Protein backbone atom coordinates (compact mmCIF):
# COMPACT_ATOMS: atom_id res chain seq x y z
CA MET A 1 -21.30 73.43 -79.81
CA LYS A 2 -19.17 71.97 -77.03
CA LYS A 3 -16.14 69.88 -77.81
CA GLN A 4 -16.91 66.20 -77.21
CA ILE A 5 -14.33 63.96 -75.60
CA ASN A 6 -14.77 60.21 -75.83
CA ILE A 7 -13.11 58.45 -72.94
CA LEU A 8 -12.76 54.91 -71.66
CA TRP A 9 -13.90 54.83 -68.04
CA THR A 10 -13.43 51.83 -65.78
CA GLY A 11 -14.23 53.46 -62.45
CA GLY A 12 -10.58 53.11 -61.44
CA LEU A 13 -8.12 55.71 -60.22
CA ASP A 14 -6.59 56.74 -63.55
CA SER A 15 -9.67 57.02 -65.77
CA THR A 16 -11.67 58.68 -62.98
CA TYR A 17 -8.87 61.19 -62.51
CA ARG A 18 -9.21 62.20 -66.14
CA VAL A 19 -13.01 62.46 -65.98
CA LEU A 20 -12.71 64.59 -62.85
CA GLU A 21 -10.11 66.82 -64.52
CA LEU A 22 -12.29 67.28 -67.62
CA SER A 23 -15.40 67.94 -65.53
CA THR A 24 -14.12 71.44 -64.69
CA GLN A 25 -14.04 72.36 -68.39
CA ASP A 26 -16.83 73.46 -70.73
CA VAL A 27 -16.84 70.20 -72.68
CA THR A 28 -19.09 67.22 -73.36
CA ILE A 29 -17.77 63.94 -71.98
CA GLN A 30 -18.97 60.66 -73.44
CA PRO A 31 -17.68 57.76 -71.36
CA TYR A 32 -17.46 54.22 -72.68
CA TYR A 33 -17.05 51.06 -70.65
CA LEU A 34 -15.81 48.08 -72.66
CA ALA A 35 -16.77 44.98 -70.71
CA SER A 36 -15.07 41.63 -70.92
CA VAL A 37 -15.98 38.52 -68.94
CA ASN A 38 -14.66 39.50 -65.50
CA PRO A 39 -16.17 39.03 -62.03
CA ASP A 40 -15.71 42.76 -61.34
CA THR A 41 -17.60 44.03 -64.40
CA GLU A 42 -20.91 44.80 -62.67
CA ARG A 43 -19.11 46.37 -59.72
CA GLU A 44 -17.12 48.65 -62.04
CA ILE A 45 -20.29 49.76 -63.84
CA GLN A 46 -21.93 50.47 -60.48
CA ALA A 47 -18.90 52.54 -59.45
CA ILE A 48 -19.13 54.59 -62.65
CA HIS A 49 -22.79 55.41 -61.99
CA GLU A 50 -22.00 56.46 -58.42
CA LEU A 51 -18.99 58.52 -59.51
CA THR A 52 -21.02 60.26 -62.21
CA GLU A 53 -23.51 61.52 -59.63
CA ILE A 54 -20.78 62.71 -57.28
CA ILE A 55 -18.79 64.50 -59.98
CA LEU A 56 -21.85 66.31 -61.36
CA ARG A 57 -22.75 67.52 -57.86
CA ARG A 58 -19.40 69.20 -57.39
CA PRO A 59 -19.56 73.02 -57.61
CA GLU A 60 -16.55 72.99 -59.94
CA ALA A 61 -18.38 70.91 -62.56
CA LYS A 62 -18.90 72.75 -65.85
CA CYS A 63 -19.05 69.80 -68.21
CA GLU A 64 -21.90 67.89 -69.76
CA LEU A 65 -21.25 64.34 -68.61
CA HIS A 66 -23.30 61.81 -70.58
CA PRO A 67 -24.32 58.43 -69.14
CA VAL A 68 -21.73 55.74 -69.71
CA LYS A 69 -22.22 53.55 -72.77
CA VAL A 70 -21.53 49.92 -71.92
CA VAL A 71 -20.19 47.80 -74.79
CA TYR A 72 -19.50 44.10 -74.38
CA ALA A 73 -16.31 42.89 -76.02
CA ASP A 74 -17.99 39.88 -77.62
CA SER A 75 -20.36 42.23 -79.48
CA ILE A 76 -17.49 43.93 -81.35
CA ALA A 77 -17.05 42.62 -84.87
CA PRO A 78 -13.84 40.73 -85.69
CA ASP A 79 -11.02 42.46 -87.55
CA GLU A 80 -8.29 40.08 -88.68
CA ALA A 81 -5.79 42.85 -89.43
CA ILE A 82 -6.07 44.41 -85.95
CA THR A 83 -5.99 41.01 -84.26
CA SER A 84 -2.87 40.04 -86.21
CA ALA A 85 -1.22 43.36 -85.31
CA TRP A 86 -2.01 42.82 -81.63
CA GLU A 87 -0.62 39.28 -81.70
CA LYS A 88 2.73 40.54 -83.04
CA LEU A 89 2.92 43.38 -80.51
CA HIS A 90 1.86 41.06 -77.69
CA ARG A 91 4.65 38.63 -78.47
CA ALA A 92 7.22 41.43 -78.33
CA SER A 93 5.91 43.52 -75.43
CA HIS A 94 3.13 41.51 -73.71
CA LEU A 95 0.58 44.14 -74.75
CA GLY A 96 -2.66 43.49 -72.83
CA SER A 97 -5.51 41.74 -74.63
CA GLN A 98 -7.93 44.59 -73.84
CA TYR A 99 -6.14 46.85 -76.31
CA GLU A 100 -7.03 44.50 -79.15
CA PHE A 101 -10.79 44.88 -78.68
CA ILE A 102 -10.44 48.57 -77.82
CA ALA A 103 -8.72 49.10 -81.18
CA ARG A 104 -11.44 47.16 -83.01
CA PHE A 105 -14.21 49.11 -81.27
CA ALA A 106 -12.62 52.50 -81.98
CA ALA A 107 -11.93 51.72 -85.63
CA GLN A 108 -15.38 50.30 -86.33
CA ASN A 109 -17.11 53.28 -84.73
CA ASN A 110 -14.73 55.91 -86.12
CA LEU A 111 -13.94 57.13 -82.61
CA VAL A 112 -10.88 58.75 -81.12
CA LEU A 113 -10.72 57.45 -77.55
CA GLU A 114 -8.90 58.81 -74.54
CA LEU A 115 -7.28 56.22 -72.29
CA GLY A 116 -6.16 57.20 -68.81
CA ILE A 117 -2.66 55.73 -68.51
CA GLU A 118 -0.37 56.61 -65.61
CA LYS A 119 3.42 56.65 -65.44
CA ASP A 120 4.53 53.10 -64.76
CA PRO A 121 7.35 52.20 -67.17
CA HIS A 122 8.15 48.91 -65.42
CA GLU A 123 4.61 47.50 -65.25
CA SER A 124 2.62 49.19 -68.03
CA THR A 125 2.47 47.16 -71.23
CA ILE A 126 1.59 50.39 -73.10
CA TRP A 127 4.85 52.00 -72.02
CA ARG A 128 6.79 48.89 -73.00
CA CYS A 129 5.05 48.65 -76.35
CA LEU A 130 5.73 52.29 -77.20
CA GLU A 131 9.39 52.01 -76.21
CA LEU A 132 9.92 48.98 -78.44
CA ASN A 133 7.99 50.30 -81.45
CA GLY A 134 9.07 53.79 -82.40
CA GLY A 135 8.26 55.63 -79.21
CA ALA A 136 5.61 58.30 -78.81
CA ILE A 137 4.88 61.83 -79.97
CA VAL A 138 3.28 64.68 -78.07
CA LYS A 139 0.58 66.73 -79.75
CA GLU A 140 -1.27 69.43 -77.85
CA ASP A 141 -2.16 67.82 -74.49
CA TYR A 142 -1.82 64.19 -75.57
CA VAL A 143 0.75 61.47 -75.97
CA MET A 144 0.19 59.34 -79.07
CA ALA A 145 1.95 56.33 -80.51
CA ASN A 146 4.43 57.10 -83.24
CA CYS A 147 2.60 54.98 -85.79
CA GLU A 148 5.45 54.36 -88.20
CA SER A 149 4.67 50.67 -88.57
CA GLU A 150 1.39 49.29 -89.89
CA ASP A 151 0.90 47.23 -86.74
CA MET A 152 1.20 50.29 -84.51
CA ARG A 153 -1.11 52.29 -86.79
CA LEU A 154 -3.77 49.59 -86.65
CA MET A 155 -3.53 49.33 -82.86
CA PHE A 156 -3.13 52.92 -81.73
CA SER A 157 -4.19 55.42 -84.39
CA ASN A 158 -7.54 55.92 -82.60
CA MET A 159 -6.12 56.18 -79.07
CA ARG A 160 -4.86 59.21 -77.14
CA PHE A 161 -3.16 59.29 -73.74
CA PRO A 162 -3.80 62.59 -71.96
CA LEU A 163 -1.14 64.70 -70.31
CA PRO A 164 -0.15 65.30 -67.58
CA LEU A 165 -1.69 61.99 -66.43
CA PHE A 166 0.65 59.98 -68.65
CA GLU A 167 3.60 61.37 -66.68
CA MET A 168 2.04 61.01 -63.20
CA THR A 169 2.40 58.25 -60.64
CA LYS A 170 -0.50 56.98 -58.53
CA GLN A 171 0.90 58.96 -55.61
CA ASP A 172 0.81 62.10 -57.78
CA GLU A 173 -2.82 61.39 -58.66
CA ILE A 174 -3.85 60.89 -55.05
CA ALA A 175 -2.19 64.19 -54.09
CA LYS A 176 -4.22 65.93 -56.82
CA TYR A 177 -7.50 64.34 -55.70
CA LYS A 178 -6.83 65.76 -52.25
CA GLU A 179 -5.79 69.16 -53.64
CA TRP A 180 -9.12 69.26 -55.50
CA HIS A 181 -10.98 68.29 -52.29
CA ALA A 182 -12.26 65.22 -54.13
CA GLU A 183 -11.96 62.71 -51.30
CA GLU A 184 -15.57 61.59 -51.87
CA VAL A 185 -14.71 60.74 -55.48
CA LEU A 186 -11.57 58.92 -54.33
CA SER A 187 -13.60 56.84 -51.86
CA LYS A 188 -15.85 55.49 -54.64
CA ILE A 189 -13.31 54.35 -57.22
CA TRP A 190 -13.13 50.63 -57.97
CA PHE A 191 -10.06 48.57 -58.74
CA CYS A 192 -10.37 44.96 -57.52
CA TYR A 193 -10.23 42.04 -59.98
CA HIS A 194 -11.66 39.43 -57.60
CA PRO A 195 -14.10 41.03 -55.12
CA VAL A 196 -15.25 39.05 -52.09
CA ASN A 197 -18.84 39.76 -51.05
CA GLY A 198 -18.76 42.92 -53.14
CA LYS A 199 -15.64 44.26 -51.41
CA PRO A 200 -11.97 44.46 -52.56
CA CYS A 201 -10.17 41.16 -52.03
CA GLY A 202 -6.87 42.68 -50.89
CA LEU A 203 -4.88 40.04 -52.78
CA CYS A 204 -5.14 40.77 -56.52
CA ASP A 205 -2.49 42.94 -58.19
CA PRO A 206 -4.59 46.15 -58.24
CA CYS A 207 -5.46 45.71 -54.55
CA LYS A 208 -1.78 45.25 -53.69
CA THR A 209 -0.92 48.40 -55.63
CA TYR A 210 -3.58 50.46 -53.89
CA ILE A 211 -2.42 49.27 -50.48
CA GLU A 212 1.17 50.15 -51.32
CA VAL A 213 0.28 53.70 -52.46
CA GLY A 214 -1.65 54.46 -49.30
CA LEU A 215 -5.24 53.52 -50.17
CA GLY A 216 -5.46 50.52 -47.86
CA SER A 217 -8.35 52.17 -46.02
CA MET A 218 -10.57 51.23 -48.99
CA ILE A 219 -10.03 47.52 -48.31
CA PRO A 220 -11.81 45.59 -45.49
CA ARG A 221 -9.68 45.05 -42.40
CA LYS A 222 -9.82 41.24 -42.65
CA ARG A 223 -8.57 41.35 -46.22
CA LEU A 224 -5.77 43.75 -45.23
CA ILE A 225 -4.66 41.28 -42.58
CA LEU A 226 -4.68 38.49 -45.17
CA TYR A 227 -2.61 40.69 -47.54
CA TRP A 228 -0.09 41.32 -44.75
CA LEU A 229 0.13 37.63 -43.91
CA ARG A 230 0.59 36.67 -47.56
CA LYS A 231 3.24 39.35 -48.03
CA ASN A 232 5.23 38.49 -44.92
CA PHE A 233 4.73 34.74 -44.83
CA ALA A 234 4.66 33.87 -48.53
CA GLU A 235 7.06 30.94 -48.07
CA VAL A 236 4.94 29.52 -45.24
CA PHE A 237 1.78 29.76 -47.40
CA GLN A 238 3.60 28.02 -50.26
CA SER A 239 4.77 25.25 -47.93
CA LEU A 240 1.21 24.74 -46.67
CA ARG A 241 -0.05 24.51 -50.25
CA ASN A 242 2.66 21.96 -51.03
CA VAL A 243 1.66 19.87 -48.02
CA LYS A 244 -1.99 20.05 -49.08
CA HIS A 245 -1.12 18.81 -52.58
CA TRP A 246 1.12 16.07 -51.14
CA VAL A 247 -1.69 14.82 -48.86
CA ARG A 248 -4.17 14.88 -51.75
CA ASP A 249 -1.81 12.88 -53.99
CA LEU A 250 -1.09 10.41 -51.18
CA ARG A 251 -4.81 9.78 -50.65
CA LYS A 252 -5.27 9.09 -54.36
CA LYS A 253 -2.45 6.53 -54.31
CA THR A 254 -3.78 4.70 -51.24
CA ARG A 255 -7.33 4.32 -52.52
């Protein structure tokens, strides 16, 4: 019987990297997509379906890759202990709200889940949370939270962060995609929070990151121009917004 690996897959660079890496092994991969109320949800699910087909077509593929299981966050039963633990950790380290419902889902379904987390100590709330709460331990090919406190145990005992991904930057990942001749996979990943007409907006934080690491070709030219204008003329844009608000307030007063 093949080893089964349960993994959270968003269709983004990091989680897709891990699925692609595992696909060359004789394992069963069960992806999960935990959906919250975001405008990019359907586009992410579409990307996962497209990526699944591409990965399974690759001659290097040895895995059994099951269809993604989509779970909506509002369908996960409450757990006061986990929610309370998340609230404490969030106050201290700004831990993202998605980890709260991921922890509830994993605990209620008795699952150990892989999360594709890259090396980003300054931006990643996972890195910050681990640093402030006992650090991490390495076991086999995974980084895991050092669950000394009850809050950390409740939040992270069912989560694993695979190596070497946990120690890689986005630039490292892109270099590996190219080394694996996986440019087609790379072209289908999804990352935008606020798509415009089904395309990356070029302005949200993930879009900015992808532009800065050399993946600007995945963003429509018009949106790239808007990104450049916003980046280089931020003060002008802010002044225009201020004028707009001033005019609006003036009109209200003169009515």
